[in-house]
Amino acid sequence: MAKRKELGRRDPATRRQAIMDAALAVFAAQGFVATKLDDVAEKAGVAKGTIYLHFKDKETLFEEIVRAAVAPVIARLESVVQLPDLPTEMVLGTMFELLRTQVLGTDRKLVLRLVLTEGPRFPRIAEFYHREVISRGMRLIGGLLRRAASRGELASPGIAEYPQLVIAPLLLAVVWDSMFARIEPLDFESLFAVHRSALLAGSRTGGTP
């Protein structure tokens, strides 16, 4: 009760963020379908009615969590990918380092894990994530690969047709981290470096991006 009173005195933006942080933790622990807004309210230290002041329903809450998690990462990717004079090797290295530190190294990986596990059962979640994240990312990477192909920087010109190949190690890393990390930890930094080397023609990439 004390926690709820304390949060009640905070500004609306702080309460909203507390609700989103709590919701992500509950979604990750229980799954989308099993999560109840009562559980989110309890973890956030607010009344259930307070959630409805900020979010229409559970799906809207999830969508806002995705937007908040993805927006800064996409913005940083756009700032790097759209620099025309940078070599593709450097762009990919920066991109993979960003994904490693700002996705795999944060709670953002929980969002991607939820989409992978819940998306097949809830098409609206998959469609929303594709619209807000996948399509934007594929446009960015597709443009980068076409530019790289025109410069002869790719190991195979066909790579430019499949921007999904660039992001594949991130999906592997999220799945591996959630299922096998305690049994056999995976060196994501080296994984991304080797993958970058495989994508590029004549790359001398070693074990570090």
N, C-alpha and C. Protein backbone atom coordinates (compact mmCIF):
# COMPACT_ATOMS: atom_id res chain seq x y z
N MET A 1 0.82 -1.21 0.00
CA MET A 1 0.00 0.00 0.00
C MET A 1 0.86 1.26 0.00
N ALA A 2 1.97 1.21 0.78
CA ALA A 2 2.87 2.36 0.81
C ALA A 2 3.45 2.65 -0.56
N LYS A 3 3.81 1.56 -1.28
CA LYS A 3 4.36 1.72 -2.62
C LYS A 3 3.33 2.37 -3.54
N ARG A 4 2.07 1.94 -3.41
CA ARG A 4 1.02 2.50 -4.26
C ARG A 4 0.82 3.98 -3.98
N LYS A 5 0.85 4.37 -2.69
CA LYS A 5 0.70 5.79 -2.36
C LYS A 5 1.86 6.60 -2.90
N GLU A 6 3.06 6.02 -2.80
CA GLU A 6 4.25 6.72 -3.30
C GLU A 6 4.14 6.96 -4.80
N LEU A 7 3.74 5.92 -5.57
CA LEU A 7 3.60 6.08 -7.01
C LEU A 7 2.48 7.05 -7.36
N GLY A 8 1.45 7.05 -6.53
CA GLY A 8 0.34 7.94 -6.78
C GLY A 8 0.72 9.40 -6.73
N ARG A 9 1.79 9.72 -6.01
CA ARG A 9 2.24 11.10 -5.92
C ARG A 9 3.17 11.49 -7.07
N ARG A 10 3.56 10.54 -7.87
CA ARG A 10 4.47 10.83 -8.97
C ARG A 10 3.70 11.41 -10.17
N ASP A 11 4.46 12.00 -11.08
CA ASP A 11 3.83 12.59 -12.26
C ASP A 11 3.32 11.49 -13.18
N PRO A 12 2.38 11.81 -14.07
CA PRO A 12 1.78 10.80 -14.94
C PRO A 12 2.79 10.03 -15.79
N ALA A 13 3.82 10.70 -16.29
CA ALA A 13 4.82 10.02 -17.12
C ALA A 13 5.56 8.96 -16.33
N THR A 14 5.87 9.26 -15.07
CA THR A 14 6.57 8.30 -14.22
C THR A 14 5.68 7.11 -13.91
N ARG A 15 4.41 7.37 -13.62
CA ARG A 15 3.47 6.27 -13.36
C ARG A 15 3.32 5.40 -14.60
N ARG A 16 3.23 6.04 -15.76
CA ARG A 16 3.06 5.29 -17.01
C ARG A 16 4.26 4.38 -17.25
N GLN A 17 5.47 4.90 -17.02
CA GLN A 17 6.66 4.08 -17.21
C GLN A 17 6.72 2.94 -16.21
N ALA A 18 6.30 3.20 -14.98
CA ALA A 18 6.27 2.14 -13.96
C ALA A 18 5.32 1.03 -14.36
N ILE A 19 4.19 1.39 -14.94
CA ILE A 19 3.22 0.39 -15.40
C ILE A 19 3.82 -0.43 -16.53
N MET A 20 4.49 0.22 -17.47
CA MET A 20 5.08 -0.49 -18.60
C MET A 20 6.21 -1.42 -18.15
N ASP A 21 7.04 -0.96 -17.23
CA ASP A 21 8.11 -1.81 -16.71
C ASP A 21 7.54 -3.04 -16.02
N ALA A 22 6.51 -2.82 -15.20
CA ALA A 22 5.88 -3.94 -14.49
C ALA A 22 5.23 -4.90 -15.47
N ALA A 23 4.56 -4.34 -16.48
CA ALA A 23 3.87 -5.19 -17.46
C ALA A 23 4.85 -6.06 -18.22
N LEU A 24 5.98 -5.51 -18.62
CA LEU A 24 6.96 -6.31 -19.34
C LEU A 24 7.45 -7.47 -18.48
N ALA A 25 7.70 -7.21 -17.20
CA ALA A 25 8.16 -8.27 -16.30
C ALA A 25 7.09 -9.36 -16.16
N VAL A 26 5.84 -8.96 -16.05
CA VAL A 26 4.75 -9.94 -15.88
C VAL A 26 4.50 -10.69 -17.18
N PHE A 27 4.50 -9.98 -18.30
CA PHE A 27 4.36 -10.65 -19.60
C PHE A 27 5.46 -11.70 -19.78
N ALA A 28 6.69 -11.33 -19.45
CA ALA A 28 7.82 -12.24 -19.64
C ALA A 28 7.71 -13.46 -18.75
N ALA A 29 7.18 -13.29 -17.55
CA ALA A 29 7.08 -14.40 -16.60
C ALA A 29 5.88 -15.29 -16.86
N GLN A 30 4.76 -14.69 -17.29
CA GLN A 30 3.51 -15.45 -17.39
C GLN A 30 3.03 -15.67 -18.81
N GLY A 31 3.56 -14.94 -19.77
CA GLY A 31 3.02 -14.99 -21.12
C GLY A 31 1.89 -14.00 -21.29
N PHE A 32 1.58 -13.70 -22.54
CA PHE A 32 0.58 -12.67 -22.82
C PHE A 32 -0.80 -13.08 -22.35
N VAL A 33 -1.22 -14.28 -22.69
CA VAL A 33 -2.60 -14.68 -22.41
C VAL A 33 -2.86 -14.84 -20.92
N ALA A 34 -1.86 -15.29 -20.16
CA ALA A 34 -2.06 -15.54 -18.73
C ALA A 34 -1.94 -14.27 -17.89
N THR A 35 -1.39 -13.23 -18.46
CA THR A 35 -1.19 -12.00 -17.70
C THR A 35 -2.52 -11.29 -17.48
N LYS A 36 -2.76 -10.90 -16.24
CA LYS A 36 -3.94 -10.12 -15.89
C LYS A 36 -3.49 -8.73 -15.47
N LEU A 37 -4.28 -7.75 -15.81
CA LEU A 37 -3.93 -6.38 -15.46
C LEU A 37 -3.88 -6.18 -13.95
N ASP A 38 -4.60 -7.02 -13.20
CA ASP A 38 -4.49 -6.96 -11.74
C ASP A 38 -3.06 -7.26 -11.30
N ASP A 39 -2.43 -8.24 -11.97
CA ASP A 39 -1.05 -8.59 -11.64
C ASP A 39 -0.11 -7.44 -11.97
N VAL A 40 -0.36 -6.80 -13.11
CA VAL A 40 0.47 -5.67 -13.52
C VAL A 40 0.32 -4.53 -12.52
N ALA A 41 -0.92 -4.24 -12.13
CA ALA A 41 -1.17 -3.15 -11.18
C ALA A 41 -0.47 -3.41 -9.85
N GLU A 42 -0.55 -4.63 -9.38
CA GLU A 42 0.10 -4.97 -8.11
C GLU A 42 1.61 -4.78 -8.18
N LYS A 43 2.21 -5.26 -9.29
CA LYS A 43 3.66 -5.14 -9.43
C LYS A 43 4.08 -3.69 -9.61
N ALA A 44 3.25 -2.91 -10.29
CA ALA A 44 3.58 -1.50 -10.52
C ALA A 44 3.29 -0.63 -9.31
N GLY A 45 2.49 -1.15 -8.37
CA GLY A 45 2.15 -0.37 -7.20
C GLY A 45 1.11 0.69 -7.46
N VAL A 46 0.18 0.38 -8.37
CA VAL A 46 -0.89 1.33 -8.69
C VAL A 46 -2.22 0.59 -8.63
N ALA A 47 -3.30 1.34 -8.60
CA ALA A 47 -4.63 0.74 -8.70
C ALA A 47 -4.87 0.29 -10.14
N LYS A 48 -5.67 -0.75 -10.31
CA LYS A 48 -5.95 -1.24 -11.66
C LYS A 48 -6.55 -0.15 -12.53
N GLY A 49 -7.41 0.68 -11.94
CA GLY A 49 -8.02 1.76 -12.69
C GLY A 49 -7.01 2.75 -13.25
N THR A 50 -5.87 2.88 -12.59
CA THR A 50 -4.82 3.78 -13.06
C THR A 50 -4.28 3.31 -14.41
N ILE A 51 -4.22 2.00 -14.60
CA ILE A 51 -3.73 1.47 -15.87
C ILE A 51 -4.62 1.95 -17.02
N TYR A 52 -5.93 1.95 -16.79
CA TYR A 52 -6.86 2.35 -17.84
C TYR A 52 -6.81 3.84 -18.13
N LEU A 53 -6.20 4.61 -17.25
CA LEU A 53 -6.01 6.03 -17.54
C LEU A 53 -4.94 6.22 -18.61
N HIS A 54 -4.07 5.22 -18.76
CA HIS A 54 -2.95 5.32 -19.69
C HIS A 54 -3.08 4.39 -20.90
N PHE A 55 -3.77 3.26 -20.72
CA PHE A 55 -3.83 2.24 -21.77
C PHE A 55 -5.26 1.70 -21.89
N LYS A 56 -5.68 1.53 -23.13
CA LYS A 56 -7.06 1.08 -23.39
C LYS A 56 -7.29 -0.33 -22.87
N ASP A 57 -6.34 -1.24 -23.14
CA ASP A 57 -6.48 -2.64 -22.74
C ASP A 57 -5.11 -3.28 -22.72
N LYS A 58 -5.07 -4.59 -22.51
CA LYS A 58 -3.80 -5.31 -22.39
C LYS A 58 -3.02 -5.28 -23.70
N GLU A 59 -3.69 -5.41 -24.81
CA GLU A 59 -2.99 -5.39 -26.10
C GLU A 59 -2.37 -4.03 -26.37
N THR A 60 -3.10 -2.97 -26.05
CA THR A 60 -2.56 -1.63 -26.23
C THR A 60 -1.35 -1.42 -25.35
N LEU A 61 -1.40 -1.92 -24.13
CA LEU A 61 -0.26 -1.83 -23.22
C LEU A 61 0.95 -2.53 -23.81
N PHE A 62 0.75 -3.73 -24.35
CA PHE A 62 1.85 -4.47 -24.96
C PHE A 62 2.42 -3.70 -26.15
N GLU A 63 1.55 -3.15 -26.97
CA GLU A 63 2.00 -2.40 -28.14
C GLU A 63 2.84 -1.18 -27.74
N GLU A 64 2.44 -0.51 -26.68
CA GLU A 64 3.20 0.66 -26.24
C GLU A 64 4.55 0.26 -25.66
N ILE A 65 4.62 -0.91 -25.04
CA ILE A 65 5.90 -1.42 -24.56
C ILE A 65 6.83 -1.66 -25.73
N VAL A 66 6.30 -2.25 -26.80
CA VAL A 66 7.11 -2.51 -28.00
C VAL A 66 7.61 -1.19 -28.59
N ARG A 67 6.72 -0.23 -28.75
CA ARG A 67 7.12 1.05 -29.33
C ARG A 67 8.22 1.72 -28.51
N ALA A 68 8.05 1.73 -27.20
CA ALA A 68 9.03 2.38 -26.34
C ALA A 68 10.38 1.67 -26.40
N ALA A 69 10.35 0.33 -26.52
CA ALA A 69 11.59 -0.43 -26.56
C ALA A 69 12.31 -0.28 -27.89
N VAL A 70 11.55 -0.22 -28.97
CA VAL A 70 12.13 -0.27 -30.31
C VAL A 70 12.55 1.10 -30.82
N ALA A 71 11.79 2.13 -30.50
CA ALA A 71 12.01 3.46 -31.10
C ALA A 71 13.46 3.94 -31.00
N PRO A 72 14.10 3.90 -29.83
CA PRO A 72 15.48 4.42 -29.78
C PRO A 72 16.47 3.56 -30.56
N VAL A 73 16.24 2.25 -30.63
CA VAL A 73 17.13 1.36 -31.37
C VAL A 73 17.01 1.62 -32.86
N ILE A 74 15.77 1.71 -33.36
CA ILE A 74 15.55 1.98 -34.78
C ILE A 74 16.14 3.33 -35.16
N ALA A 75 15.95 4.32 -34.30
CA ALA A 75 16.47 5.66 -34.59
C ALA A 75 17.99 5.63 -34.72
N ARG A 76 18.66 4.89 -33.85
CA ARG A 76 20.12 4.82 -33.93
C ARG A 76 20.57 4.02 -35.16
N LEU A 77 19.82 2.97 -35.49
CA LEU A 77 20.14 2.22 -36.71
C LEU A 77 19.99 3.10 -37.94
N GLU A 78 18.93 3.88 -37.98
CA GLU A 78 18.72 4.78 -39.13
C GLU A 78 19.87 5.77 -39.26
N SER A 79 20.33 6.29 -38.14
CA SER A 79 21.39 7.30 -38.19
C SER A 79 22.69 6.72 -38.73
N VAL A 80 22.92 5.42 -38.50
CA VAL A 80 24.15 4.78 -38.97
C VAL A 80 24.00 4.30 -40.41
N VAL A 81 22.92 3.59 -40.70
CA VAL A 81 22.73 2.99 -42.02
C VAL A 81 22.64 4.04 -43.11
N GLN A 82 22.10 5.19 -42.80
CA GLN A 82 21.87 6.20 -43.81
C GLN A 82 23.08 7.10 -44.08
N LEU A 83 24.22 6.78 -43.47
CA LEU A 83 25.45 7.51 -43.78
C LEU A 83 26.08 6.87 -45.02
N PRO A 84 26.03 7.51 -46.18
CA PRO A 84 26.40 6.86 -47.44
C PRO A 84 27.89 6.56 -47.59
N ASP A 85 28.73 7.26 -46.88
CA ASP A 85 30.17 7.12 -47.11
C ASP A 85 30.83 6.06 -46.23
N LEU A 86 30.10 5.52 -45.26
CA LEU A 86 30.69 4.50 -44.39
C LEU A 86 30.78 3.16 -45.11
N PRO A 87 31.89 2.44 -44.99
CA PRO A 87 31.97 1.09 -45.55
C PRO A 87 30.93 0.19 -44.89
N THR A 88 30.41 -0.75 -45.66
CA THR A 88 29.38 -1.65 -45.14
C THR A 88 29.88 -2.45 -43.95
N GLU A 89 31.15 -2.82 -43.98
CA GLU A 89 31.71 -3.57 -42.85
C GLU A 89 31.60 -2.78 -41.55
N MET A 90 31.86 -1.49 -41.63
CA MET A 90 31.76 -0.65 -40.43
C MET A 90 30.31 -0.48 -40.00
N VAL A 91 29.41 -0.31 -40.97
CA VAL A 91 27.99 -0.16 -40.64
C VAL A 91 27.46 -1.42 -39.96
N LEU A 92 27.78 -2.59 -40.52
CA LEU A 92 27.31 -3.83 -39.92
C LEU A 92 27.92 -4.03 -38.54
N GLY A 93 29.19 -3.69 -38.37
CA GLY A 93 29.81 -3.81 -37.06
C GLY A 93 29.11 -2.95 -36.02
N THR A 94 28.79 -1.73 -36.40
CA THR A 94 28.07 -0.83 -35.49
C THR A 94 26.67 -1.36 -35.22
N MET A 95 26.00 -1.87 -36.25
CA MET A 95 24.66 -2.41 -36.10
C MET A 95 24.65 -3.60 -35.14
N PHE A 96 25.56 -4.54 -35.33
CA PHE A 96 25.59 -5.72 -34.48
C PHE A 96 25.96 -5.37 -33.05
N GLU A 97 26.85 -4.40 -32.88
CA GLU A 97 27.20 -3.97 -31.52
C GLU A 97 26.00 -3.33 -30.83
N LEU A 98 25.22 -2.57 -31.59
CA LEU A 98 24.01 -1.97 -31.04
C LEU A 98 23.01 -3.04 -30.64
N LEU A 99 22.82 -4.04 -31.49
CA LEU A 99 21.88 -5.11 -31.16
C LEU A 99 22.36 -5.90 -29.95
N ARG A 100 23.66 -6.11 -29.87
CA ARG A 100 24.20 -6.89 -28.75
C ARG A 100 24.04 -6.15 -27.42
N THR A 101 24.33 -4.86 -27.43
CA THR A 101 24.31 -4.12 -26.17
C THR A 101 22.94 -3.56 -25.82
N GLN A 102 22.18 -3.12 -26.84
CA GLN A 102 20.92 -2.46 -26.57
C GLN A 102 19.69 -3.36 -26.69
N VAL A 103 19.87 -4.56 -27.20
CA VAL A 103 18.77 -5.53 -27.24
C VAL A 103 19.12 -6.72 -26.34
N LEU A 104 20.15 -7.47 -26.71
CA LEU A 104 20.51 -8.65 -25.92
C LEU A 104 20.97 -8.28 -24.51
N GLY A 105 21.54 -7.10 -24.36
CA GLY A 105 22.04 -6.69 -23.06
C GLY A 105 21.04 -5.95 -22.20
N THR A 106 19.79 -5.88 -22.64
CA THR A 106 18.75 -5.16 -21.89
C THR A 106 17.46 -5.98 -21.88
N ASP A 107 16.44 -5.43 -21.23
CA ASP A 107 15.14 -6.09 -21.19
C ASP A 107 14.44 -6.04 -22.55
N ARG A 108 15.01 -5.34 -23.53
CA ARG A 108 14.39 -5.35 -24.85
C ARG A 108 14.35 -6.75 -25.44
N LYS A 109 15.27 -7.60 -25.04
CA LYS A 109 15.25 -8.97 -25.55
C LYS A 109 13.98 -9.70 -25.10
N LEU A 110 13.41 -9.28 -23.97
CA LEU A 110 12.17 -9.91 -23.50
C LEU A 110 11.01 -9.60 -24.44
N VAL A 111 11.02 -8.40 -25.02
CA VAL A 111 9.98 -8.04 -25.99
C VAL A 111 10.06 -8.95 -27.21
N LEU A 112 11.26 -9.13 -27.74
CA LEU A 112 11.42 -9.98 -28.91
C LEU A 112 11.07 -11.42 -28.57
N ARG A 113 11.45 -11.87 -27.40
CA ARG A 113 11.12 -13.24 -26.98
C ARG A 113 9.61 -13.42 -26.89
N LEU A 114 8.91 -12.43 -26.38
CA LEU A 114 7.46 -12.51 -26.29
C LEU A 114 6.81 -12.57 -27.67
N VAL A 115 7.33 -11.79 -28.60
CA VAL A 115 6.78 -11.82 -29.95
C VAL A 115 6.99 -13.19 -30.58
N LEU A 116 8.16 -13.78 -30.37
CA LEU A 116 8.45 -15.09 -30.93
C LEU A 116 7.55 -16.17 -30.35
N THR A 117 7.25 -16.09 -29.05
CA THR A 117 6.46 -17.13 -28.41
C THR A 117 4.95 -16.89 -28.54
N GLU A 118 4.53 -15.63 -28.50
CA GLU A 118 3.10 -15.33 -28.50
C GLU A 118 2.55 -14.99 -29.89
N GLY A 119 3.42 -14.54 -30.78
CA GLY A 119 2.98 -14.13 -32.11
C GLY A 119 2.20 -15.18 -32.88
N PRO A 120 2.65 -16.46 -32.88
CA PRO A 120 1.91 -17.47 -33.64
C PRO A 120 0.47 -17.67 -33.14
N ARG A 121 0.24 -17.42 -31.85
CA ARG A 121 -1.11 -17.62 -31.30
C ARG A 121 -1.95 -16.35 -31.34
N PHE A 122 -1.30 -15.21 -31.47
CA PHE A 122 -2.01 -13.94 -31.49
C PHE A 122 -1.57 -13.14 -32.72
N PRO A 123 -2.24 -13.35 -33.85
CA PRO A 123 -1.83 -12.69 -35.09
C PRO A 123 -1.72 -11.18 -34.97
N ARG A 124 -2.55 -10.56 -34.13
CA ARG A 124 -2.48 -9.10 -34.01
C ARG A 124 -1.12 -8.67 -33.47
N ILE A 125 -0.55 -9.45 -32.55
CA ILE A 125 0.77 -9.12 -32.02
C ILE A 125 1.81 -9.22 -33.11
N ALA A 126 1.76 -10.32 -33.88
CA ALA A 126 2.73 -10.52 -34.96
C ALA A 126 2.59 -9.42 -36.02
N GLU A 127 1.35 -9.09 -36.38
CA GLU A 127 1.13 -8.06 -37.40
C GLU A 127 1.63 -6.70 -36.92
N PHE A 128 1.35 -6.39 -35.66
CA PHE A 128 1.81 -5.12 -35.11
C PHE A 128 3.33 -5.06 -35.11
N TYR A 129 4.00 -6.12 -34.66
CA TYR A 129 5.46 -6.11 -34.60
C TYR A 129 6.06 -6.03 -36.00
N HIS A 130 5.44 -6.72 -36.94
CA HIS A 130 5.94 -6.64 -38.31
C HIS A 130 5.83 -5.22 -38.85
N ARG A 131 4.71 -4.58 -38.58
CA ARG A 131 4.49 -3.22 -39.09
C ARG A 131 5.43 -2.21 -38.43
N GLU A 132 5.57 -2.31 -37.12
CA GLU A 132 6.32 -1.31 -36.37
C GLU A 132 7.83 -1.55 -36.36
N VAL A 133 8.23 -2.82 -36.50
CA VAL A 133 9.65 -3.15 -36.32
C VAL A 133 10.25 -3.81 -37.57
N ILE A 134 9.69 -4.96 -37.95
CA ILE A 134 10.29 -5.75 -39.01
C ILE A 134 10.33 -5.00 -40.33
N SER A 135 9.22 -4.41 -40.74
CA SER A 135 9.19 -3.74 -42.03
C SER A 135 10.15 -2.56 -42.06
N ARG A 136 10.25 -1.83 -40.97
CA ARG A 136 11.18 -0.70 -40.91
C ARG A 136 12.62 -1.19 -40.96
N GLY A 137 12.90 -2.23 -40.19
CA GLY A 137 14.25 -2.78 -40.19
C GLY A 137 14.65 -3.35 -41.54
N MET A 138 13.72 -4.04 -42.20
CA MET A 138 14.04 -4.63 -43.50
C MET A 138 14.28 -3.56 -44.56
N ARG A 139 13.55 -2.46 -44.49
CA ARG A 139 13.80 -1.37 -45.44
C ARG A 139 15.19 -0.79 -45.24
N LEU A 140 15.56 -0.59 -43.99
CA LEU A 140 16.89 -0.06 -43.71
C LEU A 140 17.99 -0.99 -44.20
N ILE A 141 17.87 -2.26 -43.80
CA ILE A 141 18.91 -3.24 -44.15
C ILE A 141 18.91 -3.51 -45.64
N GLY A 142 17.72 -3.56 -46.25
CA GLY A 142 17.64 -3.78 -47.69
C GLY A 142 18.37 -2.70 -48.46
N GLY A 143 18.18 -1.45 -48.06
CA GLY A 143 18.88 -0.36 -48.72
C GLY A 143 20.39 -0.45 -48.53
N LEU A 144 20.80 -0.83 -47.33
CA LEU A 144 22.23 -1.00 -47.06
C LEU A 144 22.83 -2.09 -47.93
N LEU A 145 22.13 -3.22 -48.07
CA LEU A 145 22.65 -4.34 -48.85
C LEU A 145 22.70 -4.02 -50.34
N ARG A 146 21.70 -3.32 -50.84
CA ARG A 146 21.74 -2.95 -52.26
C ARG A 146 22.91 -2.02 -52.55
N ARG A 147 23.16 -1.11 -51.64
CA ARG A 147 24.32 -0.23 -51.79
C ARG A 147 25.62 -1.03 -51.74
N ALA A 148 25.67 -1.98 -50.80
CA ALA A 148 26.86 -2.82 -50.67
C ALA A 148 27.07 -3.68 -51.91
N ALA A 149 25.98 -4.20 -52.49
CA ALA A 149 26.09 -5.02 -53.69
C ALA A 149 26.63 -4.19 -54.86
N SER A 150 26.17 -2.96 -54.97
CA SER A 150 26.64 -2.10 -56.06
C SER A 150 28.12 -1.77 -55.93
N ARG A 151 28.65 -1.87 -54.73
CA ARG A 151 30.07 -1.60 -54.49
C ARG A 151 30.91 -2.88 -54.52
N GLY A 152 30.25 -4.02 -54.69
CA GLY A 152 30.96 -5.29 -54.68
C GLY A 152 31.44 -5.71 -53.30
N GLU A 153 30.74 -5.26 -52.26
CA GLU A 153 31.18 -5.54 -50.90
C GLU A 153 30.62 -6.83 -50.31
N LEU A 154 29.64 -7.44 -50.98
CA LEU A 154 28.99 -8.63 -50.43
C LEU A 154 29.68 -9.90 -50.90
N ALA A 155 29.66 -10.92 -50.05
CA ALA A 155 30.24 -12.21 -50.42
C ALA A 155 29.49 -12.84 -51.58
N SER A 156 28.19 -12.55 -51.68
CA SER A 156 27.36 -13.02 -52.80
C SER A 156 26.33 -11.95 -53.11
N PRO A 157 26.12 -11.60 -54.37
CA PRO A 157 25.11 -10.60 -54.71
C PRO A 157 23.71 -10.98 -54.23
N GLY A 158 23.45 -12.29 -54.13
CA GLY A 158 22.13 -12.75 -53.71
C GLY A 158 21.77 -12.35 -52.29
N ILE A 159 22.77 -12.05 -51.48
CA ILE A 159 22.50 -11.63 -50.10
C ILE A 159 21.62 -10.39 -50.08
N ALA A 160 21.78 -9.53 -51.09
CA ALA A 160 21.00 -8.29 -51.13
C ALA A 160 19.51 -8.55 -51.25
N GLU A 161 19.13 -9.74 -51.72
CA GLU A 161 17.72 -10.08 -51.87
C GLU A 161 17.08 -10.54 -50.56
N TYR A 162 17.90 -10.81 -49.55
CA TYR A 162 17.37 -11.37 -48.31
C TYR A 162 17.93 -10.62 -47.10
N PRO A 163 17.41 -9.44 -46.81
CA PRO A 163 17.88 -8.70 -45.63
C PRO A 163 17.65 -9.45 -44.33
N GLN A 164 16.73 -10.44 -44.36
CA GLN A 164 16.50 -11.26 -43.16
C GLN A 164 17.77 -11.98 -42.72
N LEU A 165 18.67 -12.26 -43.69
CA LEU A 165 19.91 -12.95 -43.35
C LEU A 165 20.76 -12.14 -42.36
N VAL A 166 20.70 -10.83 -42.49
CA VAL A 166 21.53 -9.98 -41.63
C VAL A 166 21.09 -10.09 -40.18
N ILE A 167 19.79 -10.15 -39.97
CA ILE A 167 19.26 -10.12 -38.61
C ILE A 167 19.12 -11.51 -38.00
N ALA A 168 19.36 -12.56 -38.78
CA ALA A 168 19.17 -13.93 -38.30
C ALA A 168 19.91 -14.24 -37.00
N PRO A 169 21.16 -13.80 -36.80
CA PRO A 169 21.86 -14.14 -35.55
C PRO A 169 21.19 -13.55 -34.31
N LEU A 170 20.47 -12.43 -34.47
CA LEU A 170 19.78 -11.86 -33.32
C LEU A 170 18.68 -12.80 -32.84
N LEU A 171 17.92 -13.38 -33.79
CA LEU A 171 16.87 -14.31 -33.41
C LEU A 171 17.46 -15.56 -32.77
N LEU A 172 18.55 -16.07 -33.35
CA LEU A 172 19.24 -17.21 -32.75
C LEU A 172 19.69 -16.87 -31.34
N ALA A 173 20.25 -15.69 -31.15
CA ALA A 173 20.76 -15.29 -29.84
C ALA A 173 19.65 -15.21 -28.80
N VAL A 174 18.48 -14.67 -29.19
CA VAL A 174 17.37 -14.56 -28.25
C VAL A 174 16.87 -15.93 -27.84
N VAL A 175 16.71 -16.83 -28.82
CA VAL A 175 16.26 -18.19 -28.51
C VAL A 175 17.28 -18.92 -27.65
N TRP A 176 18.55 -18.81 -28.02
CA TRP A 176 19.60 -19.50 -27.27
C TRP A 176 19.68 -18.98 -25.84
N ASP A 177 19.60 -17.66 -25.70
CA ASP A 177 19.69 -17.04 -24.38
C ASP A 177 18.57 -17.52 -23.46
N SER A 178 17.37 -17.68 -24.01
CA SER A 178 16.22 -18.06 -23.18
C SER A 178 16.20 -19.54 -22.85
N MET A 179 16.81 -20.38 -23.70
CA MET A 179 16.70 -21.83 -23.52
C MET A 179 17.98 -22.51 -23.04
N PHE A 180 19.12 -22.06 -23.54
CA PHE A 180 20.34 -22.83 -23.33
C PHE A 180 21.48 -22.08 -22.64
N ALA A 181 21.30 -20.80 -22.36
CA ALA A 181 22.41 -20.00 -21.84
C ALA A 181 22.98 -20.57 -20.54
N ARG A 182 22.11 -21.11 -19.68
CA ARG A 182 22.61 -21.65 -18.41
C ARG A 182 23.39 -22.94 -18.61
N ILE A 183 23.10 -23.63 -19.70
CA ILE A 183 23.78 -24.90 -19.98
C ILE A 183 25.06 -24.67 -20.77
N GLU A 184 24.94 -23.85 -21.80
CA GLU A 184 26.08 -23.58 -22.69
C GLU A 184 26.01 -22.12 -23.15
N PRO A 185 26.65 -21.22 -22.45
CA PRO A 185 26.63 -19.80 -22.85
C PRO A 185 27.22 -19.63 -24.25
N LEU A 186 26.66 -18.69 -24.98
CA LEU A 186 27.11 -18.43 -26.34
C LEU A 186 27.76 -17.05 -26.39
N ASP A 187 28.89 -16.96 -27.04
CA ASP A 187 29.60 -15.69 -27.19
C ASP A 187 28.96 -14.91 -28.33
N PHE A 188 28.01 -14.04 -27.99
CA PHE A 188 27.27 -13.31 -29.01
C PHE A 188 28.16 -12.34 -29.78
N GLU A 189 29.12 -11.77 -29.11
CA GLU A 189 30.02 -10.83 -29.78
C GLU A 189 30.76 -11.51 -30.92
N SER A 190 31.31 -12.70 -30.64
CA SER A 190 32.02 -13.44 -31.69
C SER A 190 31.06 -13.96 -32.75
N LEU A 191 29.86 -14.36 -32.33
CA LEU A 191 28.85 -14.83 -33.29
C LEU A 191 28.56 -13.75 -34.33
N PHE A 192 28.32 -12.53 -33.86
CA PHE A 192 28.02 -11.44 -34.77
C PHE A 192 29.22 -11.12 -35.66
N ALA A 193 30.42 -11.20 -35.10
CA ALA A 193 31.62 -10.90 -35.89
C ALA A 193 31.81 -11.91 -37.01
N VAL A 194 31.63 -13.19 -36.70
CA VAL A 194 31.77 -14.23 -37.71
C VAL A 194 30.68 -14.09 -38.77
N HIS A 195 29.49 -13.74 -38.34
CA HIS A 195 28.39 -13.57 -39.29
C HIS A 195 28.67 -12.40 -40.23
N ARG A 196 29.17 -11.32 -39.68
CA ARG A 196 29.51 -10.17 -40.52
C ARG A 196 30.56 -10.57 -41.56
N SER A 197 31.54 -11.34 -41.14
CA SER A 197 32.58 -11.79 -42.05
C SER A 197 31.99 -12.64 -43.17
N ALA A 198 31.00 -13.48 -42.84
CA ALA A 198 30.39 -14.35 -43.84
C ALA A 198 29.58 -13.56 -44.87
N LEU A 199 29.06 -12.42 -44.46
CA LEU A 199 28.25 -11.62 -45.37
C LEU A 199 29.07 -10.82 -46.37
N LEU A 200 30.31 -10.50 -46.01
CA LEU A 200 31.08 -9.56 -46.79
C LEU A 200 32.17 -10.22 -47.61
N ALA A 201 32.41 -9.65 -48.77
CA ALA A 201 33.46 -10.16 -49.65
C ALA A 201 34.82 -9.71 -49.13
N GLY A 202 35.74 -10.66 -48.96
CA GLY A 202 37.10 -10.32 -48.57
C GLY A 202 37.22 -9.71 -47.20
N SER A 203 36.25 -9.97 -46.32
CA SER A 203 36.31 -9.39 -44.97
C SER A 203 37.42 -10.05 -44.17
N ARG A 204 38.11 -9.23 -43.37
CA ARG A 204 39.17 -9.75 -42.50
C ARG A 204 38.72 -9.67 -41.05
N THR A 205 37.41 -9.67 -40.83
CA THR A 205 36.88 -9.56 -39.48
C THR A 205 37.36 -10.70 -38.62
N GLY A 206 37.83 -10.38 -37.46
CA GLY A 206 38.26 -11.39 -36.50
C GLY A 206 37.17 -11.70 -35.52
N GLY A 207 37.52 -11.89 -34.25
CA GLY A 207 36.54 -12.28 -33.25
C GLY A 207 35.86 -11.11 -32.59
N THR A 208 36.17 -9.87 -33.00
CA THR A 208 35.59 -8.71 -32.35
C THR A 208 34.97 -7.79 -33.38
N PRO A 209 33.68 -7.38 -33.20
CA PRO A 209 33.05 -6.48 -34.16
C PRO A 209 33.76 -5.15 -34.22
